[in-house]
Amino acid sequence: MKIAILSDTHNLLRPEIEAVLQSSDYILHCGDISRQVILDRLEQIAPVKVVRGNNDKEWAENLPEYLDFELAGLRFYMTHKKKDLPEDLSPYDIVIVGHSHQYTNTWIDHPGGHRTLIVNPGSCGPRRFYQSITMAVLTIDEDGWIVKRIEIPHQKTPPKPDDVDIRKAIETVVRETKRGRTVDAIARKHKLDPSLVEQIVRLYVTHPGVTVDGIMTKMGL
C-alpha cells in the first residue's frame, strides 16, 4: 500500500505532485489547502483524509481540526500545527503535522520499546523563497513500513541576497503593505523582484503579528 502525505498546498496542486498521487491508495493532507477545488481534485484521485489548516477559512468550517484513525494496521494522529498535538503520543505509530513548510522526520521512543514517527511533509504548494518543495510517501508491505521524503526540483534559484539587504527589503514591504499598497506597486516603487515582494506580503498577511525575524525564518534565511 502506498499513502501520499502532503500539507500546505495553498491553492496549488503541481503536476509533479499529481503524478505521485496517481499511484497512491490514500492521500493524507495536513491542512492549508486554501480552496475547495483543490480538495475536490484530490478526492478524484484517491480517498482523502484531511484536517483544517489556519488558512482554510469559511469554506473549510466542516473540516476537523485533528484526526485520530487507523489505516492498514497503523494508528495515526494528524493535525495542522505541532503545538496542538496531545501530550501523550504513545498510542500512535505515525503522527503527521504541517504548517512550518519544512520537512521533518523524527522518532520518539516510549517505555516498553514502542516508537512513534512524527512527520512533517513540508509544503508542495507555492515555494517560499529558498525552501524545498516536498511531500512524503508512506509505503506499507509484508516487511513493514517506511516513510520516504519526496522533493520536487525547482527550475531556478535566484542569487541569495545578504541578510542586511533582505532584512531591509522585508521591512520596506511590510511598511508599504500596512499602507495598503499592492505587490506590483511596491515592486515598482522600490525596484524589487515582484516574486520576492509577493512572498513577503503573503507571509505577513497569513501570519498576523509576525515580525521581520519571523518572516526571515519562514523564508529559510
N, C-alpha and C. Protein backbone atom coordinates (compact mmCIF):
# COMPACT_ATOMS: atom_id res chain seq x y z
N MET A 1 0.84 -1.19 0.00
CA MET A 1 0.00 0.00 0.00
C MET A 1 0.88 1.25 0.00
N LYS A 2 0.42 2.25 -0.73
CA LYS A 2 1.17 3.49 -0.84
C LYS A 2 0.26 4.64 -0.40
N ILE A 3 0.72 5.42 0.57
CA ILE A 3 -0.06 6.53 1.12
C ILE A 3 0.71 7.82 0.92
N ALA A 4 0.12 8.77 0.22
CA ALA A 4 0.74 10.08 0.00
C ALA A 4 0.43 10.99 1.17
N ILE A 5 1.45 11.69 1.66
CA ILE A 5 1.30 12.60 2.79
C ILE A 5 1.73 13.99 2.33
N LEU A 6 0.83 14.96 2.41
CA LEU A 6 1.18 16.30 1.96
C LEU A 6 0.50 17.35 2.84
N SER A 7 0.99 18.57 2.72
CA SER A 7 0.46 19.67 3.52
C SER A 7 0.75 20.99 2.82
N ASP A 8 0.03 22.02 3.24
CA ASP A 8 0.32 23.40 2.83
C ASP A 8 0.44 23.54 1.32
N THR A 9 -0.58 23.05 0.60
CA THR A 9 -0.59 23.22 -0.85
C THR A 9 -0.99 24.64 -1.25
N HIS A 10 -1.71 25.34 -0.38
CA HIS A 10 -2.02 26.76 -0.60
C HIS A 10 -2.51 27.04 -2.02
N ASN A 11 -3.52 26.30 -2.42
CA ASN A 11 -4.20 26.54 -3.70
C ASN A 11 -3.35 26.20 -4.92
N LEU A 12 -2.35 25.34 -4.74
CA LEU A 12 -1.52 24.91 -5.88
C LEU A 12 -1.31 23.41 -5.82
N LEU A 13 -1.76 22.71 -6.85
CA LEU A 13 -1.52 21.28 -6.97
C LEU A 13 -0.63 21.07 -8.20
N ARG A 14 0.65 20.90 -7.94
CA ARG A 14 1.63 20.81 -9.02
C ARG A 14 1.47 19.51 -9.81
N PRO A 15 1.75 19.54 -11.13
CA PRO A 15 1.67 18.32 -11.93
C PRO A 15 2.57 17.21 -11.40
N GLU A 16 3.75 17.58 -10.87
CA GLU A 16 4.66 16.57 -10.32
C GLU A 16 4.06 15.88 -9.10
N ILE A 17 3.30 16.64 -8.31
CA ILE A 17 2.64 16.07 -7.15
C ILE A 17 1.50 15.16 -7.59
N GLU A 18 0.73 15.62 -8.56
CA GLU A 18 -0.36 14.78 -9.07
C GLU A 18 0.16 13.45 -9.59
N ALA A 19 1.32 13.47 -10.22
CA ALA A 19 1.89 12.23 -10.74
C ALA A 19 2.17 11.23 -9.62
N VAL A 20 2.64 11.73 -8.47
CA VAL A 20 2.87 10.86 -7.32
C VAL A 20 1.54 10.36 -6.76
N LEU A 21 0.57 11.26 -6.68
CA LEU A 21 -0.73 10.91 -6.10
C LEU A 21 -1.46 9.85 -6.93
N GLN A 22 -1.27 9.86 -8.23
CA GLN A 22 -1.98 8.94 -9.11
C GLN A 22 -1.71 7.47 -8.76
N SER A 23 -0.53 7.20 -8.21
CA SER A 23 -0.19 5.81 -7.86
C SER A 23 -0.39 5.52 -6.38
N SER A 24 -1.10 6.42 -5.68
CA SER A 24 -1.31 6.26 -4.24
C SER A 24 -2.68 5.65 -3.95
N ASP A 25 -2.75 4.88 -2.87
CA ASP A 25 -4.00 4.27 -2.45
C ASP A 25 -4.81 5.20 -1.55
N TYR A 26 -4.11 6.05 -0.82
CA TYR A 26 -4.75 7.05 0.05
C TYR A 26 -3.95 8.34 -0.01
N ILE A 27 -4.62 9.45 0.31
CA ILE A 27 -3.97 10.74 0.43
C ILE A 27 -4.28 11.31 1.81
N LEU A 28 -3.25 11.71 2.54
CA LEU A 28 -3.41 12.38 3.82
C LEU A 28 -2.94 13.82 3.65
N HIS A 29 -3.83 14.78 3.89
CA HIS A 29 -3.48 16.20 3.72
C HIS A 29 -3.59 16.89 5.07
N CYS A 30 -2.51 17.56 5.47
CA CYS A 30 -2.41 18.13 6.81
C CYS A 30 -2.77 19.61 6.89
N GLY A 31 -3.60 20.08 5.96
CA GLY A 31 -4.15 21.42 6.09
C GLY A 31 -3.47 22.51 5.30
N ASP A 32 -4.09 23.69 5.30
CA ASP A 32 -3.75 24.82 4.44
C ASP A 32 -3.88 24.42 2.98
N ILE A 33 -5.08 24.00 2.66
CA ILE A 33 -5.45 23.64 1.28
C ILE A 33 -5.79 24.91 0.52
N SER A 34 -6.56 25.77 1.18
CA SER A 34 -6.92 27.13 0.73
C SER A 34 -8.18 27.22 -0.12
N ARG A 35 -8.49 26.19 -0.91
CA ARG A 35 -9.72 26.26 -1.71
C ARG A 35 -10.32 24.87 -1.87
N GLN A 36 -11.66 24.83 -1.93
CA GLN A 36 -12.38 23.57 -2.08
C GLN A 36 -11.99 22.85 -3.36
N VAL A 37 -11.68 23.60 -4.43
CA VAL A 37 -11.37 22.97 -5.70
C VAL A 37 -10.15 22.05 -5.60
N ILE A 38 -9.18 22.38 -4.74
CA ILE A 38 -8.01 21.52 -4.57
C ILE A 38 -8.41 20.23 -3.88
N LEU A 39 -9.23 20.34 -2.84
CA LEU A 39 -9.70 19.14 -2.15
C LEU A 39 -10.54 18.27 -3.08
N ASP A 40 -11.38 18.89 -3.89
CA ASP A 40 -12.19 18.14 -4.85
C ASP A 40 -11.30 17.34 -5.81
N ARG A 41 -10.23 17.98 -6.27
CA ARG A 41 -9.32 17.29 -7.20
C ARG A 41 -8.63 16.12 -6.51
N LEU A 42 -8.21 16.29 -5.27
CA LEU A 42 -7.58 15.19 -4.54
C LEU A 42 -8.54 14.02 -4.39
N GLU A 43 -9.80 14.32 -4.10
CA GLU A 43 -10.79 13.26 -3.90
C GLU A 43 -11.11 12.52 -5.19
N GLN A 44 -10.83 13.13 -6.33
CA GLN A 44 -10.99 12.44 -7.61
C GLN A 44 -9.88 11.42 -7.85
N ILE A 45 -8.75 11.61 -7.18
CA ILE A 45 -7.58 10.76 -7.39
C ILE A 45 -7.59 9.55 -6.48
N ALA A 46 -7.88 9.75 -5.19
CA ALA A 46 -7.83 8.66 -4.20
C ALA A 46 -8.61 9.10 -2.96
N PRO A 47 -8.97 8.15 -2.08
CA PRO A 47 -9.62 8.54 -0.82
C PRO A 47 -8.72 9.48 -0.02
N VAL A 48 -9.34 10.50 0.58
CA VAL A 48 -8.58 11.56 1.26
C VAL A 48 -8.99 11.65 2.72
N LYS A 49 -7.99 11.79 3.59
CA LYS A 49 -8.22 12.20 4.97
C LYS A 49 -7.52 13.55 5.13
N VAL A 50 -8.25 14.53 5.69
CA VAL A 50 -7.74 15.89 5.70
C VAL A 50 -8.13 16.59 7.00
N VAL A 51 -7.25 17.48 7.47
CA VAL A 51 -7.56 18.34 8.60
C VAL A 51 -7.50 19.80 8.14
N ARG A 52 -8.11 20.66 8.92
CA ARG A 52 -8.19 22.07 8.58
C ARG A 52 -6.93 22.81 9.02
N GLY A 53 -6.39 23.66 8.14
CA GLY A 53 -5.24 24.50 8.49
C GLY A 53 -5.68 25.89 8.87
N ASN A 54 -4.75 26.68 9.38
CA ASN A 54 -5.10 28.03 9.82
C ASN A 54 -5.48 28.96 8.68
N ASN A 55 -5.11 28.61 7.44
CA ASN A 55 -5.50 29.42 6.29
C ASN A 55 -6.71 28.86 5.54
N ASP A 56 -7.31 27.81 6.07
CA ASP A 56 -8.54 27.26 5.49
C ASP A 56 -9.71 27.95 6.17
N LYS A 57 -10.35 28.85 5.47
CA LYS A 57 -11.33 29.76 6.08
C LYS A 57 -12.74 29.18 6.03
N GLU A 58 -13.74 30.03 5.73
CA GLU A 58 -15.14 29.64 5.87
C GLU A 58 -15.50 28.38 5.09
N TRP A 59 -14.92 28.23 3.91
CA TRP A 59 -15.28 27.08 3.09
C TRP A 59 -14.94 25.76 3.78
N ALA A 60 -13.99 25.79 4.72
CA ALA A 60 -13.50 24.56 5.36
C ALA A 60 -14.01 24.38 6.78
N GLU A 61 -15.08 25.10 7.14
CA GLU A 61 -15.52 25.07 8.53
C GLU A 61 -15.96 23.69 9.00
N ASN A 62 -16.29 22.80 8.08
CA ASN A 62 -16.70 21.45 8.47
C ASN A 62 -15.54 20.45 8.51
N LEU A 63 -14.34 20.90 8.15
CA LEU A 63 -13.19 20.01 8.23
C LEU A 63 -12.73 19.91 9.68
N PRO A 64 -12.27 18.73 10.12
CA PRO A 64 -11.84 18.57 11.52
C PRO A 64 -10.51 19.26 11.79
N GLU A 65 -10.31 19.65 13.04
CA GLU A 65 -9.03 20.23 13.45
C GLU A 65 -7.97 19.14 13.63
N TYR A 66 -8.40 17.92 13.91
CA TYR A 66 -7.47 16.80 14.06
C TYR A 66 -8.18 15.51 13.67
N LEU A 67 -7.41 14.49 13.38
CA LEU A 67 -7.93 13.16 13.10
C LEU A 67 -7.13 12.13 13.88
N ASP A 68 -7.82 11.15 14.43
CA ASP A 68 -7.23 10.01 15.13
C ASP A 68 -7.83 8.78 14.48
N PHE A 69 -7.02 8.03 13.72
CA PHE A 69 -7.59 6.95 12.92
C PHE A 69 -6.59 5.82 12.72
N GLU A 70 -7.12 4.68 12.26
CA GLU A 70 -6.29 3.53 11.90
C GLU A 70 -6.39 3.29 10.40
N LEU A 71 -5.27 2.93 9.82
CA LEU A 71 -5.20 2.65 8.39
C LEU A 71 -4.12 1.62 8.15
N ALA A 72 -4.47 0.55 7.49
CA ALA A 72 -3.52 -0.52 7.15
C ALA A 72 -2.78 -1.05 8.38
N GLY A 73 -3.49 -1.14 9.51
CA GLY A 73 -2.89 -1.68 10.72
C GLY A 73 -2.06 -0.71 11.52
N LEU A 74 -1.96 0.55 11.08
CA LEU A 74 -1.20 1.58 11.80
C LEU A 74 -2.16 2.62 12.38
N ARG A 75 -1.80 3.16 13.54
CA ARG A 75 -2.63 4.20 14.14
C ARG A 75 -1.98 5.56 13.89
N PHE A 76 -2.81 6.49 13.40
CA PHE A 76 -2.34 7.82 13.01
C PHE A 76 -2.99 8.90 13.88
N TYR A 77 -2.25 9.99 14.06
CA TYR A 77 -2.83 11.23 14.57
C TYR A 77 -2.37 12.33 13.64
N MET A 78 -3.31 13.20 13.24
CA MET A 78 -2.97 14.24 12.27
C MET A 78 -3.62 15.56 12.69
N THR A 79 -2.82 16.62 12.74
CA THR A 79 -3.31 17.97 12.98
C THR A 79 -2.36 18.95 12.29
N HIS A 80 -2.82 20.19 12.06
CA HIS A 80 -2.02 21.10 11.25
C HIS A 80 -0.79 21.62 11.98
N LYS A 81 -0.95 22.04 13.23
CA LYS A 81 0.16 22.65 13.97
C LYS A 81 0.70 21.69 15.03
N LYS A 82 2.00 21.61 15.12
CA LYS A 82 2.64 20.72 16.08
C LYS A 82 2.25 21.06 17.51
N LYS A 83 2.03 22.34 17.80
CA LYS A 83 1.69 22.76 19.16
C LYS A 83 0.34 22.21 19.61
N ASP A 84 -0.47 21.74 18.68
CA ASP A 84 -1.80 21.21 19.01
C ASP A 84 -1.81 19.70 19.21
N LEU A 85 -0.64 19.06 19.20
CA LEU A 85 -0.58 17.63 19.42
C LEU A 85 -0.91 17.28 20.87
N PRO A 86 -1.50 16.11 21.12
CA PRO A 86 -1.72 15.68 22.51
C PRO A 86 -0.38 15.42 23.19
N GLU A 87 -0.38 15.52 24.51
CA GLU A 87 0.85 15.32 25.26
C GLU A 87 1.37 13.89 25.13
N ASP A 88 0.46 12.92 25.15
CA ASP A 88 0.85 11.51 25.08
C ASP A 88 0.69 11.01 23.65
N LEU A 89 1.81 10.74 22.99
CA LEU A 89 1.79 10.23 21.62
C LEU A 89 2.03 8.73 21.54
N SER A 90 2.13 8.09 22.69
CA SER A 90 2.48 6.66 22.71
C SER A 90 1.45 5.76 22.02
N PRO A 91 0.16 6.15 21.95
CA PRO A 91 -0.77 5.25 21.24
C PRO A 91 -0.58 5.20 19.72
N TYR A 92 0.24 6.09 19.19
CA TYR A 92 0.29 6.26 17.74
C TYR A 92 1.57 5.71 17.12
N ASP A 93 1.41 5.20 15.90
CA ASP A 93 2.58 4.77 15.12
C ASP A 93 3.15 5.95 14.33
N ILE A 94 2.25 6.74 13.75
CA ILE A 94 2.67 7.87 12.92
C ILE A 94 1.84 9.09 13.28
N VAL A 95 2.53 10.20 13.53
CA VAL A 95 1.89 11.48 13.80
C VAL A 95 2.28 12.43 12.66
N ILE A 96 1.28 13.13 12.11
CA ILE A 96 1.52 13.99 10.96
C ILE A 96 1.13 15.43 11.30
N VAL A 97 2.05 16.36 11.06
CA VAL A 97 1.79 17.79 11.26
C VAL A 97 2.26 18.54 10.02
N GLY A 98 1.86 19.80 9.93
CA GLY A 98 2.29 20.65 8.80
C GLY A 98 2.68 22.03 9.30
N HIS A 99 2.25 23.05 8.57
CA HIS A 99 2.32 24.46 8.96
C HIS A 99 3.69 25.11 8.76
N SER A 100 4.78 24.43 9.11
CA SER A 100 6.10 25.07 9.08
C SER A 100 6.69 25.17 7.68
N HIS A 101 6.17 24.39 6.71
CA HIS A 101 6.69 24.33 5.35
C HIS A 101 8.09 23.69 5.30
N GLN A 102 8.50 23.05 6.36
CA GLN A 102 9.83 22.43 6.40
C GLN A 102 9.70 20.95 6.73
N TYR A 103 10.31 20.11 5.90
CA TYR A 103 10.21 18.67 6.08
C TYR A 103 10.98 18.23 7.33
N THR A 104 10.33 17.42 8.17
CA THR A 104 11.00 16.81 9.32
C THR A 104 10.51 15.38 9.47
N ASN A 105 11.34 14.57 10.06
CA ASN A 105 11.06 13.14 10.25
C ASN A 105 11.76 12.73 11.55
N THR A 106 10.99 12.63 12.64
CA THR A 106 11.58 12.46 13.97
C THR A 106 10.94 11.29 14.71
N TRP A 107 11.78 10.44 15.29
CA TRP A 107 11.29 9.32 16.09
C TRP A 107 11.23 9.69 17.56
N ILE A 108 10.18 9.23 18.24
CA ILE A 108 10.06 9.36 19.69
C ILE A 108 9.99 7.95 20.27
N ASP A 109 10.84 7.67 21.25
CA ASP A 109 10.85 6.37 21.92
C ASP A 109 9.98 6.42 23.17
N HIS A 110 9.17 5.39 23.36
CA HIS A 110 8.30 5.28 24.53
C HIS A 110 8.73 4.10 25.39
N PRO A 111 8.38 4.12 26.67
CA PRO A 111 8.67 2.96 27.53
C PRO A 111 8.05 1.69 26.96
N GLY A 112 8.79 0.61 27.04
CA GLY A 112 8.30 -0.65 26.50
C GLY A 112 8.73 -0.94 25.09
N GLY A 113 9.46 0.01 24.49
CA GLY A 113 10.02 -0.25 23.17
C GLY A 113 9.21 0.29 22.00
N HIS A 114 7.97 0.78 22.26
CA HIS A 114 7.18 1.31 21.16
C HIS A 114 7.75 2.66 20.70
N ARG A 115 7.68 2.93 19.40
CA ARG A 115 8.19 4.18 18.85
C ARG A 115 7.12 4.86 18.00
N THR A 116 7.15 6.18 18.00
CA THR A 116 6.23 6.99 17.20
C THR A 116 7.05 7.85 16.24
N LEU A 117 6.65 7.86 14.98
CA LEU A 117 7.31 8.71 14.00
C LEU A 117 6.47 9.97 13.80
N ILE A 118 7.09 11.13 14.02
CA ILE A 118 6.43 12.41 13.73
C ILE A 118 6.94 12.90 12.38
N VAL A 119 6.02 13.09 11.45
CA VAL A 119 6.36 13.51 10.09
C VAL A 119 5.73 14.85 9.77
N ASN A 120 6.53 15.77 9.29
CA ASN A 120 6.03 16.99 8.67
C ASN A 120 6.44 16.91 7.21
N PRO A 121 5.49 16.77 6.27
CA PRO A 121 5.86 16.60 4.87
C PRO A 121 6.36 17.86 4.20
N GLY A 122 6.39 18.98 4.94
CA GLY A 122 6.77 20.24 4.32
C GLY A 122 5.65 20.79 3.45
N SER A 123 5.98 21.63 2.51
CA SER A 123 4.98 22.22 1.62
C SER A 123 5.30 21.88 0.17
N CYS A 124 4.24 21.49 -0.56
CA CYS A 124 4.42 21.28 -2.00
C CYS A 124 3.57 22.28 -2.77
N GLY A 125 3.20 23.39 -2.10
CA GLY A 125 2.47 24.47 -2.75
C GLY A 125 3.44 25.52 -3.26
N PRO A 126 3.04 26.80 -3.26
CA PRO A 126 3.94 27.87 -3.71
C PRO A 126 5.22 27.88 -2.89
N ARG A 127 6.33 28.00 -3.57
CA ARG A 127 7.63 27.92 -2.90
C ARG A 127 7.91 29.16 -2.09
N ARG A 128 8.37 28.98 -0.85
CA ARG A 128 8.79 30.09 -0.01
C ARG A 128 10.27 30.33 -0.20
N PHE A 129 10.59 31.27 -1.02
CA PHE A 129 11.96 31.71 -1.23
C PHE A 129 12.90 30.53 -1.49
N TYR A 130 13.77 30.18 -0.52
CA TYR A 130 14.77 29.14 -0.75
C TYR A 130 14.38 27.77 -0.18
N GLN A 131 13.16 27.64 0.35
CA GLN A 131 12.78 26.36 0.94
C GLN A 131 12.46 25.33 -0.14
N SER A 132 12.64 24.06 0.22
CA SER A 132 12.39 22.97 -0.71
C SER A 132 10.89 22.73 -0.88
N ILE A 133 10.54 22.14 -2.01
CA ILE A 133 9.15 21.74 -2.30
C ILE A 133 9.08 20.24 -2.02
N THR A 134 8.35 19.85 -0.97
CA THR A 134 8.41 18.46 -0.53
C THR A 134 7.03 17.90 -0.17
N MET A 135 6.97 16.57 -0.17
CA MET A 135 5.88 15.79 0.38
C MET A 135 6.49 14.49 0.89
N ALA A 136 5.67 13.57 1.36
CA ALA A 136 6.18 12.29 1.83
C ALA A 136 5.31 11.17 1.28
N VAL A 137 5.88 9.99 1.19
CA VAL A 137 5.14 8.80 0.78
C VAL A 137 5.41 7.69 1.79
N LEU A 138 4.32 7.16 2.33
CA LEU A 138 4.40 6.02 3.25
C LEU A 138 4.11 4.75 2.46
N THR A 139 5.04 3.81 2.49
CA THR A 139 4.86 2.52 1.81
C THR A 139 4.74 1.43 2.87
N ILE A 140 3.71 0.60 2.75
CA ILE A 140 3.45 -0.48 3.70
C ILE A 140 3.41 -1.79 2.92
N ASP A 141 4.20 -2.78 3.35
CA ASP A 141 4.16 -4.10 2.73
C ASP A 141 4.36 -5.16 3.80
N GLU A 142 4.58 -6.40 3.37
CA GLU A 142 4.69 -7.52 4.33
C GLU A 142 5.93 -7.41 5.21
N ASP A 143 6.89 -6.62 4.80
CA ASP A 143 8.12 -6.46 5.58
C ASP A 143 8.04 -5.30 6.58
N GLY A 144 6.97 -4.50 6.53
CA GLY A 144 6.83 -3.38 7.45
C GLY A 144 6.44 -2.11 6.71
N TRP A 145 6.89 -0.97 7.21
CA TRP A 145 6.53 0.30 6.58
C TRP A 145 7.70 1.28 6.65
N ILE A 146 7.70 2.21 5.70
CA ILE A 146 8.77 3.20 5.63
C ILE A 146 8.20 4.50 5.04
N VAL A 147 8.68 5.63 5.54
CA VAL A 147 8.28 6.93 5.01
C VAL A 147 9.45 7.51 4.23
N LYS A 148 9.18 7.94 3.02
CA LYS A 148 10.21 8.49 2.15
C LYS A 148 9.90 9.94 1.81
N ARG A 149 10.93 10.78 1.90
CA ARG A 149 10.81 12.19 1.52
C ARG A 149 10.85 12.32 0.00
N ILE A 150 9.90 13.08 -0.56
CA ILE A 150 9.86 13.36 -1.99
C ILE A 150 10.10 14.86 -2.18
N GLU A 151 11.11 15.20 -2.96
CA GLU A 151 11.39 16.61 -3.24
C GLU A 151 11.17 16.90 -4.72
N ILE A 152 10.44 17.96 -4.98
CA ILE A 152 10.18 18.37 -6.35
C ILE A 152 11.21 19.42 -6.75
N PRO A 153 12.02 19.15 -7.78
CA PRO A 153 13.04 20.12 -8.17
C PRO A 153 12.39 21.41 -8.67
N HIS A 154 13.01 22.53 -8.36
CA HIS A 154 12.57 23.80 -8.90
C HIS A 154 13.60 24.23 -9.93
N GLN A 155 13.17 24.98 -10.91
CA GLN A 155 14.00 25.22 -12.08
C GLN A 155 15.07 26.28 -11.87
N LYS A 156 14.79 27.25 -11.02
CA LYS A 156 15.75 28.35 -10.93
C LYS A 156 15.81 28.88 -9.50
N THR A 157 17.01 29.04 -8.99
CA THR A 157 17.20 29.65 -7.69
C THR A 157 17.92 30.99 -7.87
N PRO A 158 17.28 32.08 -7.47
CA PRO A 158 17.94 33.38 -7.64
C PRO A 158 19.13 33.51 -6.73
N PRO A 159 20.07 34.37 -7.05
CA PRO A 159 21.19 34.58 -6.15
C PRO A 159 20.69 35.06 -4.79
N LYS A 160 21.27 34.54 -3.73
CA LYS A 160 20.82 34.85 -2.37
C LYS A 160 21.38 36.19 -1.92
N PRO A 161 20.50 37.14 -1.56
CA PRO A 161 21.00 38.42 -1.07
C PRO A 161 21.55 38.26 0.34
N ASP A 162 22.40 39.20 0.75
CA ASP A 162 22.90 39.11 2.11
C ASP A 162 21.80 39.51 3.08
N ASP A 163 22.00 39.17 4.37
CA ASP A 163 20.96 39.37 5.37
C ASP A 163 20.56 40.83 5.51
N VAL A 164 21.50 41.76 5.36
CA VAL A 164 21.16 43.17 5.51
C VAL A 164 20.20 43.60 4.42
N ASP A 165 20.46 43.21 3.16
CA ASP A 165 19.60 43.59 2.04
C ASP A 165 18.21 43.00 2.19
N ILE A 166 18.13 41.71 2.51
CA ILE A 166 16.82 41.06 2.58
C ILE A 166 16.03 41.60 3.76
N ARG A 167 16.70 41.86 4.88
CA ARG A 167 16.01 42.43 6.03
C ARG A 167 15.41 43.80 5.67
N LYS A 168 16.22 44.59 4.96
CA LYS A 168 15.75 45.92 4.55
C LYS A 168 14.56 45.80 3.61
N ALA A 169 14.63 44.82 2.71
CA ALA A 169 13.53 44.61 1.77
C ALA A 169 12.26 44.21 2.50
N ILE A 170 12.38 43.32 3.48
CA ILE A 170 11.22 42.88 4.25
C ILE A 170 10.61 44.05 5.01
N GLU A 171 11.45 44.84 5.65
CA GLU A 171 10.95 46.00 6.40
C GLU A 171 10.20 46.95 5.47
N THR A 172 10.74 47.15 4.28
CA THR A 172 10.11 48.04 3.31
C THR A 172 8.76 47.50 2.87
N VAL A 173 8.73 46.22 2.52
CA VAL A 173 7.49 45.61 2.03
C VAL A 173 6.41 45.62 3.11
N VAL A 174 6.79 45.29 4.34
CA VAL A 174 5.82 45.30 5.43
C VAL A 174 5.26 46.71 5.64
N ARG A 175 6.13 47.70 5.62
CA ARG A 175 5.70 49.09 5.81
C ARG A 175 4.72 49.52 4.71
N GLU A 176 5.06 49.17 3.48
CA GLU A 176 4.20 49.57 2.36
C GLU A 176 2.88 48.79 2.36
N THR A 177 2.93 47.53 2.79
CA THR A 177 1.71 46.73 2.87
C THR A 177 0.75 47.32 3.89
N LYS A 178 1.28 47.78 5.02
CA LYS A 178 0.45 48.43 6.04
C LYS A 178 -0.23 49.67 5.47
N ARG A 179 0.40 50.29 4.50
CA ARG A 179 -0.18 51.49 3.88
C ARG A 179 -1.20 51.16 2.79
N GLY A 180 -1.38 49.85 2.54
CA GLY A 180 -2.39 49.43 1.58
C GLY A 180 -1.92 49.34 0.15
N ARG A 181 -0.60 49.41 -0.08
CA ARG A 181 -0.09 49.35 -1.45
C ARG A 181 -0.05 47.90 -1.95
N THR A 182 -0.23 47.70 -3.25
CA THR A 182 -0.25 46.38 -3.85
C THR A 182 1.16 45.86 -4.07
N VAL A 183 1.25 44.56 -4.36
CA VAL A 183 2.54 43.93 -4.63
C VAL A 183 3.23 44.63 -5.80
N ASP A 184 2.49 44.83 -6.90
CA ASP A 184 3.09 45.46 -8.09
C ASP A 184 3.57 46.88 -7.79
N ALA A 185 2.78 47.62 -7.04
CA ALA A 185 3.15 49.00 -6.72
C ALA A 185 4.41 49.04 -5.86
N ILE A 186 4.50 48.13 -4.90
CA ILE A 186 5.68 48.08 -4.03
C ILE A 186 6.91 47.70 -4.85
N ALA A 187 6.77 46.70 -5.71
CA ALA A 187 7.91 46.24 -6.51
C ALA A 187 8.42 47.34 -7.42
N ARG A 188 7.50 48.09 -8.05
CA ARG A 188 7.90 49.17 -8.96
C ARG A 188 8.58 50.30 -8.20
N LYS A 189 7.96 50.71 -7.10
CA LYS A 189 8.45 51.86 -6.36
C LYS A 189 9.85 51.63 -5.81
N HIS A 190 10.11 50.40 -5.32
CA HIS A 190 11.38 50.12 -4.65
C HIS A 190 12.32 49.25 -5.47
N LYS A 191 11.93 49.01 -6.75
CA LYS A 191 12.77 48.23 -7.67
C LYS A 191 13.13 46.87 -7.07
N LEU A 192 12.10 46.16 -6.59
CA LEU A 192 12.26 44.83 -6.01
C LEU A 192 11.65 43.79 -6.94
N ASP A 193 12.15 42.57 -6.85
CA ASP A 193 11.60 41.46 -7.61
C ASP A 193 10.15 41.23 -7.16
N PRO A 194 9.18 41.28 -8.08
CA PRO A 194 7.77 41.09 -7.69
C PRO A 194 7.52 39.76 -6.97
N SER A 195 8.23 38.69 -7.37
CA SER A 195 8.02 37.40 -6.72
C SER A 195 8.49 37.44 -5.26
N LEU A 196 9.57 38.17 -5.00
CA LEU A 196 10.04 38.34 -3.62
C LEU A 196 9.02 39.14 -2.82
N VAL A 197 8.53 40.22 -3.40
CA VAL A 197 7.54 41.04 -2.70
C VAL A 197 6.29 40.22 -2.40
N GLU A 198 5.85 39.42 -3.37
CA GLU A 198 4.65 38.60 -3.18
C GLU A 198 4.82 37.63 -2.03
N GLN A 199 6.00 37.01 -1.93
CA GLN A 199 6.24 36.05 -0.85
C GLN A 199 6.23 36.74 0.51
N ILE A 200 6.85 37.90 0.59
CA ILE A 200 6.88 38.63 1.86
C ILE A 200 5.46 39.06 2.27
N VAL A 201 4.70 39.59 1.31
CA VAL A 201 3.34 40.02 1.60
C VAL A 201 2.49 38.84 2.05
N ARG A 202 2.62 37.71 1.37
CA ARG A 202 1.81 36.54 1.74
C ARG A 202 2.13 36.08 3.15
N LEU A 203 3.40 36.04 3.50
CA LEU A 203 3.79 35.64 4.84
C LEU A 203 3.28 36.63 5.89
N TYR A 204 3.37 37.91 5.57
CA TYR A 204 2.92 38.94 6.51
C TYR A 204 1.40 38.87 6.72
N VAL A 205 0.66 38.68 5.62
CA VAL A 205 -0.80 38.68 5.70
C VAL A 205 -1.33 37.41 6.35
N THR A 206 -0.71 36.26 6.06
CA THR A 206 -1.23 34.99 6.57
C THR A 206 -0.73 34.63 7.96
N HIS A 207 0.20 35.41 8.50
CA HIS A 207 0.71 35.16 9.85
C HIS A 207 0.61 36.47 10.66
N PRO A 208 -0.61 36.80 11.11
CA PRO A 208 -0.80 38.07 11.83
C PRO A 208 0.17 38.20 13.01
N GLY A 209 0.80 39.39 13.10
CA GLY A 209 1.72 39.64 14.19
C GLY A 209 3.14 39.18 13.95
N VAL A 210 3.41 38.57 12.79
CA VAL A 210 4.75 38.05 12.52
C VAL A 210 5.75 39.22 12.44
N THR A 211 6.95 38.99 12.96
CA THR A 211 8.00 40.01 12.93
C THR A 211 8.86 39.84 11.69
N VAL A 212 9.77 40.81 11.49
CA VAL A 212 10.71 40.69 10.37
C VAL A 212 11.56 39.43 10.54
N ASP A 213 12.03 39.19 11.76
CA ASP A 213 12.82 37.97 12.00
C ASP A 213 12.00 36.73 11.73
N GLY A 214 10.71 36.78 12.09
CA GLY A 214 9.84 35.65 11.83
C GLY A 214 9.66 35.39 10.35
N ILE A 215 9.52 36.46 9.57
CA ILE A 215 9.41 36.30 8.12
C ILE A 215 10.70 35.71 7.55
N MET A 216 11.84 36.18 8.02
CA MET A 216 13.10 35.64 7.55
C MET A 216 13.23 34.17 7.86
N THR A 217 12.80 33.76 9.04
CA THR A 217 12.85 32.33 9.41
C THR A 217 11.95 31.51 8.50
N LYS A 218 10.75 32.00 8.24
CA LYS A 218 9.83 31.26 7.39
C LYS A 218 10.30 31.21 5.94
N MET A 219 11.14 32.16 5.56
CA MET A 219 11.71 32.14 4.20
C MET A 219 12.97 31.29 4.12
N GLY A 220 13.36 30.70 5.25
CA GLY A 220 14.53 29.84 5.26
C GLY A 220 15.84 30.58 5.30
N LEU A 221 15.82 31.83 5.78
CA LEU A 221 17.04 32.66 5.82
C LEU A 221 17.65 32.65 7.21
